[in-house]
Amino acid sequence: MLLAARAEQLPATAPSDSASSLNSLSAAYEQKHFAAVVKQGGDVLAGIKADVPRADADYLRVLVSLAAFKSQSLLTSAALFRQAYEACPGAVTAANYGAVEMLVGDRQLARTLFNKALDYAPSDFCAHLGLAELAALEPKSAPAGADVELARAAAALGLDESAPLWSALADHYLLLKEPVAALSAYARAEKCLTAKSAGAAGTKAIDNQTTGDADLEKHLKQAIFRAALLAGNDALAGERLDAALATSNLPLEAYSLCASRLCRPDAAGDRLARRLYDKALAENGHDNDLFYALGRAFGEAGQDNFARLCLDRVHEREPEDSKFALACAAQLARGGHGSAAAKILSALVARAKSQEPTPQRKMAQALARAGLRLLPQYQKDWAAALKSTLAQPERPNFKTAFAALSAIKCHCRLLTMQYTLHDQPGVAFSYIPDDKEPVAFIIYDGKATEPLKVWRSLKDEAKAIPLGRSENLGDFYHLVKAALDYAEAPYRPEHPYYLFNTLPLRTLPLPKRG
């Protein structure tokens, strides 16, 4: 029977019918008829008389606010969460309201509400989890403050058997780069979920918007696998491999980590590489970024054939993308297909010469020229016109060099400084990350220049302090790998901003009748 029909049969103003009204609306909520719960629940609340039990009204207000969160705008639901908190102040309503205000962006109000929740229940898990998020987002308190609140949240759970709450705790640990702690919490969540399926019920009423147990089970399969890889626990990752691969939409990071860590160059690694490639092709065949990352990870693991399959695919789909072209050519060269690599590089050089010289194109052209000089085929079968594009036919000796930049006159000129480095004789690649105190990186030909001479070109912009680390790049594959690894390193701002999932939202217990 439809919710609307059921609700119309319930005279909400009669106390004797209050229980049946709540049961009807609660059942409708479980069936995900959220919009109808908001409509019918609002009508019931509007008709409530003074003799209706307080617990019934409180339960219904929280239920309507949760239904609004799932079916209406964030601001509309925030108003209903506020009304629920004001009408029935307590740990659950305060923490729920605080969680929604975190989404709205009012961190100051959220902090007040989480602390109010702790006034009502000093060991409230959701309040501690919310304060952990606030600490992580506050530069002065992160990450120590977040760790303290997460420890308090874990202590608050104690022996509680709520799988969604343990999973939420683990998600926070993982996002804050603590995979070992995340693994422990995920294991507890999995244990709780297994116990629940065997008939044991959790002790907390929770409504986590990740939906039901089936979705949570899928999340745990992927999350435990990913956390094991990040924690360096390859044995556990291997145990959880089949379960993770059986789920759909494996995250890009999990593909890359699995390829680089578990796809060793042996028979078992070959089989796993084939499974990963086939899964990516079946589920995300259109995702060039996935195949690019997977190809580079396969290359790192020594799975050259699958690396070439992935990188050939993205280059064929987007032949004008210089990043894909360079990675594909490098993998071809590594596998002994120098002529095929040379064709890609020569096309890249010719195309870059006719296009506007953006930073990406200038660097791609320089790397392509460097590659042509490293490939032995360039002495054998290239046209004279192509050879004329190479300034120095002698085989170069490419190396890396780093310098810490300080006393920078203006950070707005970092790109200009990068151009300056790039334009120095003998420099094949340069990159300066947009950091407060960046470390500049160059790839240079040791036969044509030396790092101190290059760094001096920045003397009018910043102080360059050479760092002691360096690497010889003996072939084109390692030349491209060094350049792409540095240029594509994850951006690490001084004060990172964490994109947390929505905090768990809870219902109140359904009132019991004596």
Protein backbone atom coordinates (compact mmCIF):
# COMPACT_ATOMS: atom_id res chain seq x y z
CA MET A 1 0.00 0.00 0.00
CA LEU A 2 1.32 3.43 -0.84
CA LEU A 3 2.49 5.67 1.98
CA ALA A 4 0.04 8.43 1.07
CA ALA A 5 -2.87 6.04 1.33
CA ARG A 6 -1.63 4.67 4.66
CA ALA A 7 -0.99 8.10 6.12
CA GLU A 8 -4.37 9.42 5.09
CA GLN A 9 -5.95 6.65 7.17
CA LEU A 10 -4.09 7.79 10.31
CA PRO A 11 -5.75 10.53 12.36
CA ALA A 12 -2.55 12.07 13.64
CA THR A 13 -4.19 14.08 16.40
CA ALA A 14 -5.42 11.11 18.39
CA PRO A 15 -2.97 9.85 21.00
CA SER A 16 -4.29 6.31 20.73
CA ASP A 17 -3.31 6.29 17.06
CA SER A 18 0.09 7.87 17.58
CA ALA A 19 1.89 4.52 17.66
CA SER A 20 0.36 3.26 14.41
CA SER A 21 1.17 6.59 12.72
CA LEU A 22 4.82 6.35 13.76
CA ASN A 23 5.05 2.73 12.68
CA SER A 24 3.55 3.57 9.29
CA LEU A 25 5.91 6.48 8.68
CA SER A 26 8.91 4.51 9.95
CA ALA A 27 8.11 1.67 7.55
CA ALA A 28 7.72 4.13 4.69
CA TYR A 29 11.10 5.64 5.54
CA GLU A 30 12.74 2.20 5.47
CA GLN A 31 11.21 1.72 2.01
CA LYS A 32 12.86 5.00 0.91
CA HIS A 33 9.64 6.95 0.35
CA PHE A 34 11.42 10.03 1.68
CA ALA A 35 9.43 12.78 0.00
CA ALA A 36 6.19 11.23 1.21
CA VAL A 37 7.55 10.93 4.77
CA VAL A 38 8.33 14.67 4.75
CA LYS A 39 4.83 15.51 3.50
CA GLN A 40 2.84 13.14 5.68
CA GLY A 41 5.13 13.53 8.70
CA GLY A 42 4.81 17.29 8.48
CA ASP A 43 1.03 16.97 8.43
CA VAL A 44 1.13 14.69 11.47
CA LEU A 45 3.38 17.11 13.36
CA ALA A 46 1.11 20.04 12.50
CA GLY A 47 -1.86 18.21 14.01
CA ILE A 48 -0.20 16.94 17.17
CA LYS A 49 -2.02 17.77 20.38
CA ALA A 50 -0.55 18.33 23.80
CA ASP A 51 -1.51 14.87 25.03
CA VAL A 52 0.58 13.09 22.36
CA PRO A 53 3.60 11.52 24.06
CA ARG A 54 6.71 13.69 23.84
CA ALA A 55 8.84 10.77 22.63
CA ASP A 56 6.51 10.28 19.66
CA ALA A 57 6.84 13.89 18.55
CA ASP A 58 10.62 13.87 19.03
CA TYR A 59 11.02 10.68 17.02
CA LEU A 60 8.89 12.05 14.19
CA ARG A 61 10.76 15.37 14.01
CA VAL A 62 14.08 13.56 13.61
CA LEU A 63 12.60 11.16 11.05
CA VAL A 64 11.20 14.03 8.95
CA SER A 65 14.51 15.92 9.03
CA LEU A 66 16.38 12.81 7.86
CA ALA A 67 13.83 12.21 5.08
CA ALA A 68 14.20 15.84 3.98
CA PHE A 69 17.97 15.44 3.88
CA LYS A 70 17.55 12.55 1.44
CA SER A 71 14.89 14.11 -0.76
CA GLN A 72 15.08 17.91 -0.59
CA SER A 73 17.60 20.73 -0.67
CA LEU A 74 20.37 20.93 1.91
CA LEU A 75 19.14 24.27 3.27
CA THR A 76 15.57 22.97 3.66
CA SER A 77 16.77 19.93 5.56
CA ALA A 78 19.11 22.08 7.68
CA ALA A 79 16.11 24.12 8.84
CA LEU A 80 14.30 20.93 9.83
CA PHE A 81 17.35 19.60 11.68
CA ARG A 82 17.47 22.91 13.57
CA GLN A 83 13.78 22.61 14.47
CA ALA A 84 14.31 19.04 15.66
CA TYR A 85 17.22 20.12 17.85
CA GLU A 86 15.34 23.09 19.34
CA ALA A 87 12.24 20.99 20.04
CA CYS A 88 14.09 18.01 21.51
CA PRO A 89 17.66 18.99 22.43
CA GLY A 90 19.96 16.04 22.98
CA ALA A 91 23.12 14.36 21.75
CA VAL A 92 21.54 12.86 18.62
CA THR A 93 19.74 15.98 17.45
CA ALA A 94 22.71 18.23 18.22
CA ALA A 95 25.18 16.00 16.38
CA ASN A 96 22.80 15.57 13.42
CA TYR A 97 22.34 19.33 13.15
CA GLY A 98 26.10 19.84 13.45
CA ALA A 99 26.78 17.31 10.68
CA VAL A 100 24.45 19.15 8.31
CA GLU A 101 25.96 22.53 9.22
CA MET A 102 29.35 21.08 8.28
CA LEU A 103 27.92 20.52 4.80
CA VAL A 104 26.43 24.02 4.74
CA GLY A 105 29.87 25.36 5.63
CA ASP A 106 29.21 26.91 9.04
CA ARG A 107 32.05 25.29 10.99
CA GLN A 108 31.68 27.60 13.98
CA LEU A 109 28.04 26.57 14.50
CA ALA A 110 28.96 22.92 13.87
CA ARG A 111 31.63 23.08 16.58
CA THR A 112 29.13 24.57 19.03
CA LEU A 113 26.63 21.82 18.25
CA PHE A 114 29.16 18.99 18.59
CA ASN A 115 30.22 20.36 21.97
CA LYS A 116 26.54 20.62 22.97
CA ALA A 117 26.12 16.97 22.02
CA LEU A 118 29.02 16.10 24.33
CA ASP A 119 27.35 18.06 27.11
CA TYR A 120 24.40 15.68 26.80
CA ALA A 121 26.52 12.56 26.21
CA PRO A 122 30.27 12.97 26.91
CA SER A 123 31.10 9.84 24.91
CA ASP A 124 29.01 10.61 21.84
CA PHE A 125 30.80 9.03 18.87
CA CYS A 126 29.40 11.27 16.16
CA ALA A 127 30.27 14.44 18.07
CA HIS A 128 33.88 13.32 18.50
CA LEU A 129 34.04 12.37 14.82
CA GLY A 130 32.73 15.81 13.89
CA LEU A 131 35.30 17.53 16.10
CA ALA A 132 38.01 15.39 14.47
CA GLU A 133 36.98 16.75 11.08
CA LEU A 134 37.06 20.31 12.37
CA ALA A 135 40.51 19.74 13.86
CA ALA A 136 41.78 18.32 10.57
CA LEU A 137 40.48 21.35 8.70
CA GLU A 138 42.02 23.79 11.16
CA PRO A 139 45.73 24.33 10.37
CA LYS A 140 46.63 25.11 13.98
CA SER A 141 45.25 21.82 15.32
CA ALA A 142 45.85 19.39 12.45
CA PRO A 143 46.81 16.62 12.50
CA ALA A 144 47.36 16.12 16.25
CA GLY A 145 43.94 17.47 17.22
CA ALA A 146 42.23 15.20 14.71
CA ASP A 147 44.11 12.17 16.04
CA VAL A 148 43.00 12.96 19.59
CA GLU A 149 39.34 13.23 18.60
CA LEU A 150 39.50 10.07 16.48
CA ALA A 151 40.93 8.20 19.47
CA ARG A 152 38.06 9.53 21.58
CA ALA A 153 35.59 8.46 18.90
CA ALA A 154 37.08 4.95 18.89
CA ALA A 155 36.86 4.82 22.69
CA ALA A 156 33.26 6.03 22.51
CA LEU A 157 32.36 3.08 20.30
CA GLY A 158 33.91 0.67 22.77
CA LEU A 159 32.07 -2.63 22.40
CA ASP A 160 29.37 -1.20 20.18
CA GLU A 161 28.56 -3.42 17.22
CA SER A 162 27.53 -0.77 14.70
CA ALA A 163 29.24 -1.58 11.41
CA PRO A 164 28.44 1.80 9.77
CA LEU A 165 30.02 3.71 12.65
CA TRP A 166 33.20 1.63 12.65
CA SER A 167 33.37 2.06 8.87
CA ALA A 168 32.93 5.83 9.20
CA LEU A 169 35.79 5.92 11.72
CA ALA A 170 37.99 3.87 9.38
CA ASP A 171 37.18 6.17 6.44
CA HIS A 172 38.42 9.13 8.47
CA TYR A 173 41.64 7.36 9.41
CA LEU A 174 42.26 6.45 5.77
CA LEU A 175 41.60 9.97 4.52
CA LEU A 176 44.00 11.34 7.15
CA LYS A 177 46.74 8.99 5.87
CA GLU A 178 46.64 6.51 8.74
CA PRO A 179 46.01 3.23 6.89
CA VAL A 180 47.11 0.93 9.74
CA ALA A 181 44.51 2.42 12.11
CA ALA A 182 42.00 2.34 9.27
CA LEU A 183 42.59 -1.38 8.74
CA SER A 184 41.85 -2.10 12.40
CA ALA A 185 38.58 -0.14 12.29
CA TYR A 186 37.54 -1.69 8.98
CA ALA A 187 38.14 -5.15 10.44
CA ARG A 188 35.82 -4.29 13.33
CA ALA A 189 33.18 -3.00 10.91
CA GLU A 190 33.41 -6.20 8.89
CA LYS A 191 33.10 -8.30 12.03
CA CYS A 192 30.02 -6.36 13.10
CA LEU A 193 28.41 -6.70 9.69
CA THR A 194 29.06 -10.45 9.69
CA ALA A 195 27.56 -10.77 13.17
CA LYS A 196 24.51 -8.78 12.09
CA SER A 197 23.91 -11.02 9.09
CA ALA A 198 24.10 -13.98 11.49
CA GLY A 199 21.34 -12.46 13.62
CA ALA A 200 23.14 -10.17 16.08
CA ALA A 201 21.83 -6.60 16.09
CA GLY A 202 23.86 -3.45 16.48
CA THR A 203 23.41 -1.36 19.60
CA LYS A 204 23.15 2.08 17.99
CA ALA A 205 20.28 3.46 15.92
CA ILE A 206 21.99 4.89 12.86
CA ASP A 207 20.96 6.13 9.48
CA ASN A 208 24.09 6.36 7.35
CA GLN A 209 23.42 7.76 3.90
CA THR A 210 25.66 5.14 2.28
CA THR A 211 22.36 3.17 2.28
CA GLY A 212 22.10 -0.45 3.31
CA ASP A 213 24.18 -3.40 4.40
CA ALA A 214 24.84 -4.56 0.83
CA ASP A 215 26.44 -1.24 -0.10
CA LEU A 216 28.41 -1.19 3.15
CA GLU A 217 29.68 -4.70 2.45
CA LYS A 218 30.85 -3.62 -1.02
CA HIS A 219 32.50 -0.53 0.46
CA LEU A 220 34.38 -2.63 3.01
CA LYS A 221 35.66 -5.03 0.37
CA GLN A 222 37.20 -2.17 -1.59
CA ALA A 223 38.30 -0.14 1.43
CA ILE A 224 40.11 -2.99 3.22
CA PHE A 225 41.96 -3.87 0.00
CA ARG A 226 42.94 -0.23 -0.57
CA ALA A 227 43.98 0.31 3.06
CA ALA A 228 46.09 -2.85 3.00
CA LEU A 229 47.94 -1.62 -0.10
CA LEU A 230 48.48 1.82 1.42
CA ALA A 231 49.70 0.25 4.67
CA GLY A 232 52.22 -1.89 2.78
CA ASN A 233 50.45 -5.08 3.87
CA ASP A 234 50.77 -6.94 0.58
CA ALA A 235 49.84 -10.27 2.17
CA LEU A 236 46.46 -8.97 3.34
CA ALA A 237 45.96 -7.18 0.02
CA GLY A 238 46.54 -10.48 -1.75
CA GLU A 239 43.99 -12.20 0.49
CA ARG A 240 41.41 -9.51 -0.24
CA LEU A 241 42.18 -9.22 -3.93
CA ASP A 242 39.40 -11.45 -5.26
CA ALA A 243 36.76 -9.82 -3.09
CA ALA A 244 37.82 -6.34 -4.20
CA LEU A 245 37.95 -7.24 -7.88
CA ALA A 246 34.48 -8.79 -7.63
CA THR A 247 33.03 -5.36 -6.82
CA SER A 248 32.22 -2.80 -9.49
CA ASN A 249 33.82 0.62 -9.97
CA LEU A 250 37.12 -0.03 -8.25
CA PRO A 251 38.70 3.40 -7.54
CA LEU A 252 41.51 4.55 -9.82
CA GLU A 253 43.96 4.60 -6.91
CA ALA A 254 43.19 0.96 -6.13
CA TYR A 255 43.87 -0.04 -9.75
CA SER A 256 47.22 1.76 -9.73
CA LEU A 257 48.31 0.49 -6.32
CA CYS A 258 47.37 -3.07 -7.19
CA ALA A 259 49.23 -2.92 -10.50
CA SER A 260 52.40 -1.41 -9.06
CA ARG A 261 52.49 -3.50 -5.86
CA LEU A 262 51.07 -6.91 -6.77
CA CYS A 263 51.60 -7.40 -10.53
CA ARG A 264 55.12 -8.76 -10.34
CA PRO A 265 56.81 -9.84 -13.60
CA ASP A 266 56.02 -13.54 -13.19
CA ALA A 267 53.23 -15.92 -14.19
CA ALA A 268 50.98 -14.99 -11.25
CA GLY A 269 51.61 -11.30 -11.88
CA ASP A 270 50.77 -11.77 -15.56
CA ARG A 271 47.43 -13.34 -14.66
CA LEU A 272 46.59 -10.55 -12.24
CA ALA A 273 47.60 -7.90 -14.78
CA ARG A 274 45.24 -9.50 -17.30
CA ARG A 275 42.40 -9.47 -14.75
CA LEU A 276 43.00 -5.83 -13.92
CA TYR A 277 43.20 -4.80 -17.56
CA ASP A 278 40.06 -6.74 -18.51
CA LYS A 279 38.15 -5.32 -15.53
CA ALA A 280 39.16 -1.76 -16.40
CA LEU A 281 38.23 -2.35 -20.03
CA ALA A 282 34.83 -3.81 -19.17
CA GLU A 283 33.82 -1.23 -16.58
CA ASN A 284 35.73 1.95 -17.50
CA GLY A 285 36.89 1.51 -21.07
CA HIS A 286 36.23 5.22 -21.79
CA ASP A 287 38.35 6.50 -18.89
CA ASN A 288 41.64 7.63 -20.39
CA ASP A 289 42.99 8.83 -17.04
CA LEU A 290 42.47 5.37 -15.59
CA PHE A 291 44.31 3.63 -18.42
CA TYR A 292 47.10 6.20 -18.32
CA ALA A 293 47.60 5.68 -14.58
CA LEU A 294 47.24 1.91 -14.92
CA GLY A 295 49.73 1.85 -17.79
CA ARG A 296 52.33 3.78 -15.83
CA ALA A 297 51.76 1.53 -12.80
CA PHE A 298 52.18 -1.60 -14.94
CA GLY A 299 55.41 -0.12 -16.28
CA GLU A 300 56.68 0.48 -12.75
CA ALA A 301 55.94 -3.16 -11.90
CA GLY A 302 57.77 -4.47 -14.97
CA GLN A 303 54.56 -5.56 -16.73
CA ASP A 304 55.69 -4.04 -20.01
CA ASN A 305 53.15 -5.73 -22.29
CA PHE A 306 50.15 -4.53 -20.30
CA ALA A 307 51.72 -1.12 -19.82
CA ARG A 308 51.98 -0.81 -23.58
CA LEU A 309 48.37 -1.99 -24.06
CA CYS A 310 47.09 0.72 -21.72
CA LEU A 311 49.27 3.54 -23.04
CA ASP A 312 48.70 2.62 -26.70
CA ARG A 313 45.00 2.83 -25.96
CA VAL A 314 45.05 6.33 -24.52
CA HIS A 315 47.42 7.62 -27.21
CA GLU A 316 45.17 6.26 -29.96
CA ARG A 317 42.13 7.85 -28.35
CA GLU A 318 43.80 11.24 -27.78
CA PRO A 319 46.82 11.43 -30.10
CA GLU A 320 47.35 15.16 -29.49
CA ASP A 321 47.69 14.82 -25.72
CA SER A 322 51.44 15.26 -25.16
CA LYS A 323 51.41 13.44 -21.82
CA PHE A 324 49.87 10.34 -23.39
CA ALA A 325 52.22 10.57 -26.37
CA LEU A 326 55.35 10.78 -24.22
CA ALA A 327 54.32 7.94 -21.91
CA CYS A 328 53.37 5.74 -24.85
CA ALA A 329 56.65 6.45 -26.70
CA ALA A 330 58.68 5.81 -23.55
CA GLN A 331 57.02 2.43 -23.03
CA LEU A 332 57.55 1.50 -26.67
CA ALA A 333 61.22 2.45 -26.43
CA ARG A 334 61.61 0.39 -23.28
CA GLY A 335 60.19 -2.64 -25.06
CA GLY A 336 62.61 -2.32 -27.96
CA HIS A 337 60.18 -0.66 -30.38
CA GLY A 338 62.37 2.36 -31.01
CA SER A 339 61.12 3.09 -34.51
CA ALA A 340 57.50 3.24 -33.33
CA ALA A 341 58.56 5.50 -30.46
CA ALA A 342 60.46 7.73 -32.87
CA LYS A 343 57.37 8.22 -35.03
CA ILE A 344 55.36 9.42 -32.03
CA LEU A 345 58.13 11.76 -30.89
CA SER A 346 58.75 13.21 -34.32
CA ALA A 347 55.03 13.92 -34.71
CA LEU A 348 55.03 15.57 -31.28
CA VAL A 349 57.98 17.81 -32.22
CA ALA A 350 56.40 18.80 -35.53
CA ARG A 351 53.01 19.49 -33.95
CA ALA A 352 54.47 21.56 -31.10
CA LYS A 353 56.38 23.74 -33.56
CA SER A 354 53.13 24.80 -35.24
CA GLN A 355 51.16 25.45 -32.04
CA GLU A 356 51.14 28.23 -29.48
CA PRO A 357 54.10 27.62 -27.11
CA THR A 358 52.30 26.92 -23.83
CA PRO A 359 54.40 25.63 -20.90
CA GLN A 360 53.09 22.10 -21.41
CA ARG A 361 53.86 22.12 -25.14
CA LYS A 362 57.33 23.59 -24.68
CA MET A 363 58.22 20.94 -22.13
CA ALA A 364 56.69 18.16 -24.21
CA GLN A 365 58.65 19.28 -27.26
CA ALA A 366 61.89 19.45 -25.26
CA LEU A 367 61.33 15.94 -23.86
CA ALA A 368 60.52 14.64 -27.32
CA ARG A 369 63.74 16.15 -28.71
CA ALA A 370 65.65 14.60 -25.82
CA GLY A 371 64.07 11.26 -26.59
CA LEU A 372 65.05 11.46 -30.24
CA ARG A 373 68.64 12.00 -29.20
CA LEU A 374 68.55 8.98 -26.88
CA LEU A 375 66.95 6.54 -29.31
CA PRO A 376 69.55 4.63 -31.36
CA GLN A 377 67.18 4.51 -34.34
CA TYR A 378 67.67 8.22 -34.94
CA GLN A 379 71.04 7.46 -36.56
CA LYS A 380 69.56 4.86 -38.90
CA ASP A 381 66.25 5.53 -40.56
CA TRP A 382 65.10 9.08 -40.00
CA ALA A 383 64.71 11.66 -42.71
CA ALA A 384 67.26 14.46 -42.93
CA ALA A 385 64.53 16.97 -42.14
CA LEU A 386 63.92 15.28 -38.80
CA LYS A 387 67.62 15.14 -37.99
CA SER A 388 67.85 18.86 -38.59
CA THR A 389 65.50 19.48 -35.66
CA LEU A 390 68.11 18.10 -33.27
CA ALA A 391 70.57 20.72 -32.09
CA GLN A 392 73.17 18.21 -30.90
CA PRO A 393 73.54 14.83 -32.63
CA GLU A 394 75.94 13.53 -29.94
CA ARG A 395 74.28 11.15 -27.47
CA PRO A 396 73.51 13.21 -24.33
CA ASN A 397 74.12 12.35 -20.69
CA PHE A 398 70.88 13.39 -19.01
CA LYS A 399 70.78 13.88 -15.23
CA THR A 400 68.42 15.28 -12.63
CA ALA A 401 69.09 18.15 -10.24
CA PHE A 402 67.10 19.82 -7.46
CA ALA A 403 67.30 23.18 -5.70
CA ALA A 404 65.31 24.58 -2.78
CA LEU A 405 64.01 28.06 -3.57
CA SER A 406 63.88 30.71 -0.85
CA ALA A 407 63.68 34.50 -0.67
CA ILE A 408 61.23 34.38 -3.58
CA LYS A 409 60.35 37.93 -4.59
CA CYS A 410 56.88 37.00 -5.82
CA HIS A 411 55.21 33.61 -5.97
CA CYS A 412 53.17 34.89 -8.89
CA ARG A 413 56.32 34.52 -10.99
CA LEU A 414 56.94 30.83 -10.36
CA LEU A 415 55.83 29.97 -13.89
CA THR A 416 58.11 32.65 -15.32
CA MET A 417 60.98 31.19 -13.29
CA GLN A 418 60.14 27.77 -14.69
CA TYR A 419 60.37 29.23 -18.20
CA THR A 420 63.73 30.74 -17.30
CA LEU A 421 65.11 27.36 -16.25
CA HIS A 422 63.65 25.67 -19.28
CA ASP A 423 65.30 28.15 -21.67
CA GLN A 424 68.81 27.54 -20.33
CA PRO A 425 71.15 25.70 -22.74
CA GLY A 426 71.30 21.98 -22.02
CA VAL A 427 68.02 21.85 -20.00
CA ALA A 428 65.49 19.31 -21.32
CA PHE A 429 62.85 19.72 -18.61
CA SER A 430 62.13 22.01 -15.68
CA TYR A 431 59.36 22.17 -13.10
CA ILE A 432 58.65 24.33 -10.05
CA PRO A 433 55.66 23.23 -7.94
CA ASP A 434 53.37 25.91 -6.56
CA ASP A 435 54.45 25.50 -2.93
CA LYS A 436 55.32 28.03 -0.27
CA GLU A 437 58.96 26.89 -0.34
CA PRO A 438 59.19 24.97 -3.61
CA VAL A 439 61.91 22.61 -4.74
CA ALA A 440 62.81 23.26 -8.38
CA PHE A 441 63.60 20.27 -10.58
CA ILE A 442 65.51 20.08 -13.85
CA ILE A 443 66.66 17.42 -16.26
CA TYR A 444 69.83 18.58 -17.97
CA ASP A 445 72.50 17.28 -20.33
CA GLY A 446 75.70 16.91 -18.37
CA LYS A 447 77.70 17.27 -21.58
CA ALA A 448 76.20 20.70 -22.27
CA THR A 449 75.86 22.41 -18.88
CA GLU A 450 76.05 21.96 -15.10
CA PRO A 451 73.41 22.68 -12.43
CA LEU A 452 75.07 25.66 -10.70
CA LYS A 453 75.07 27.52 -13.98
CA VAL A 454 71.37 26.79 -14.46
CA TRP A 455 70.38 27.80 -10.92
CA ARG A 456 72.22 31.12 -11.27
CA SER A 457 69.69 32.11 -13.92
CA LEU A 458 67.17 32.62 -11.07
CA LYS A 459 69.35 35.02 -9.07
CA ASP A 460 67.06 38.01 -9.80
CA GLU A 461 63.96 36.12 -8.67
CA ALA A 462 64.94 33.88 -5.76
CA LYS A 463 67.79 32.21 -3.92
CA ALA A 464 68.40 28.69 -5.28
CA ILE A 465 70.09 26.31 -2.84
CA PRO A 466 71.30 23.16 -4.69
CA LEU A 467 70.30 19.87 -3.08
CA GLY A 468 72.60 16.89 -3.03
CA ARG A 469 70.40 14.33 -4.74
CA SER A 470 70.81 13.49 -8.42
CA GLU A 471 70.14 10.61 -10.80
CA ASN A 472 71.58 9.56 -14.15
CA LEU A 473 68.88 8.96 -16.76
CA GLY A 474 70.40 6.47 -19.14
CA ASP A 475 67.42 5.89 -21.43
CA PHE A 476 64.28 7.59 -22.69
CA TYR A 477 61.92 5.57 -20.45
CA HIS A 478 63.57 6.82 -17.26
CA LEU A 479 63.82 10.34 -18.67
CA VAL A 480 60.04 10.52 -19.17
CA LYS A 481 59.34 8.72 -15.89
CA ALA A 482 61.40 11.27 -13.93
CA ALA A 483 59.70 14.21 -15.65
CA LEU A 484 56.14 12.91 -15.28
CA ASP A 485 56.64 11.69 -11.72
CA TYR A 486 57.73 15.14 -10.58
CA ALA A 487 55.25 17.14 -12.63
CA GLU A 488 52.32 14.89 -11.62
CA ALA A 489 53.21 14.48 -7.95
CA PRO A 490 50.06 15.02 -5.86
CA TYR A 491 49.67 18.61 -4.79
CA ARG A 492 50.47 18.85 -1.10
CA PRO A 493 49.42 22.27 0.19
CA GLU A 494 50.87 23.47 3.45
CA HIS A 495 47.42 23.11 5.03
CA PRO A 496 45.54 20.37 3.14
CA TYR A 497 41.77 20.47 2.85
CA TYR A 498 40.15 17.09 3.44
CA LEU A 499 36.95 16.25 1.60
CA PHE A 500 35.20 14.12 4.21
CA ASN A 501 32.07 12.11 3.62
CA THR A 502 28.94 13.30 5.37
CA LEU A 503 29.06 12.43 9.05
CA PRO A 504 26.76 9.61 10.19
CA LEU A 505 23.20 10.74 10.84
CA ARG A 506 21.14 8.97 13.49
CA THR A 507 17.51 8.30 14.21
CA LEU A 508 16.02 8.24 17.67
CA PRO A 509 14.80 4.87 18.98
CA LEU A 510 11.22 4.14 18.00
CA PRO A 511 9.14 4.78 21.15
CA LYS A 512 8.00 1.63 22.89
CA ARG A 513 4.57 1.06 24.33
CA GLY A 514 4.11 -0.47 27.75
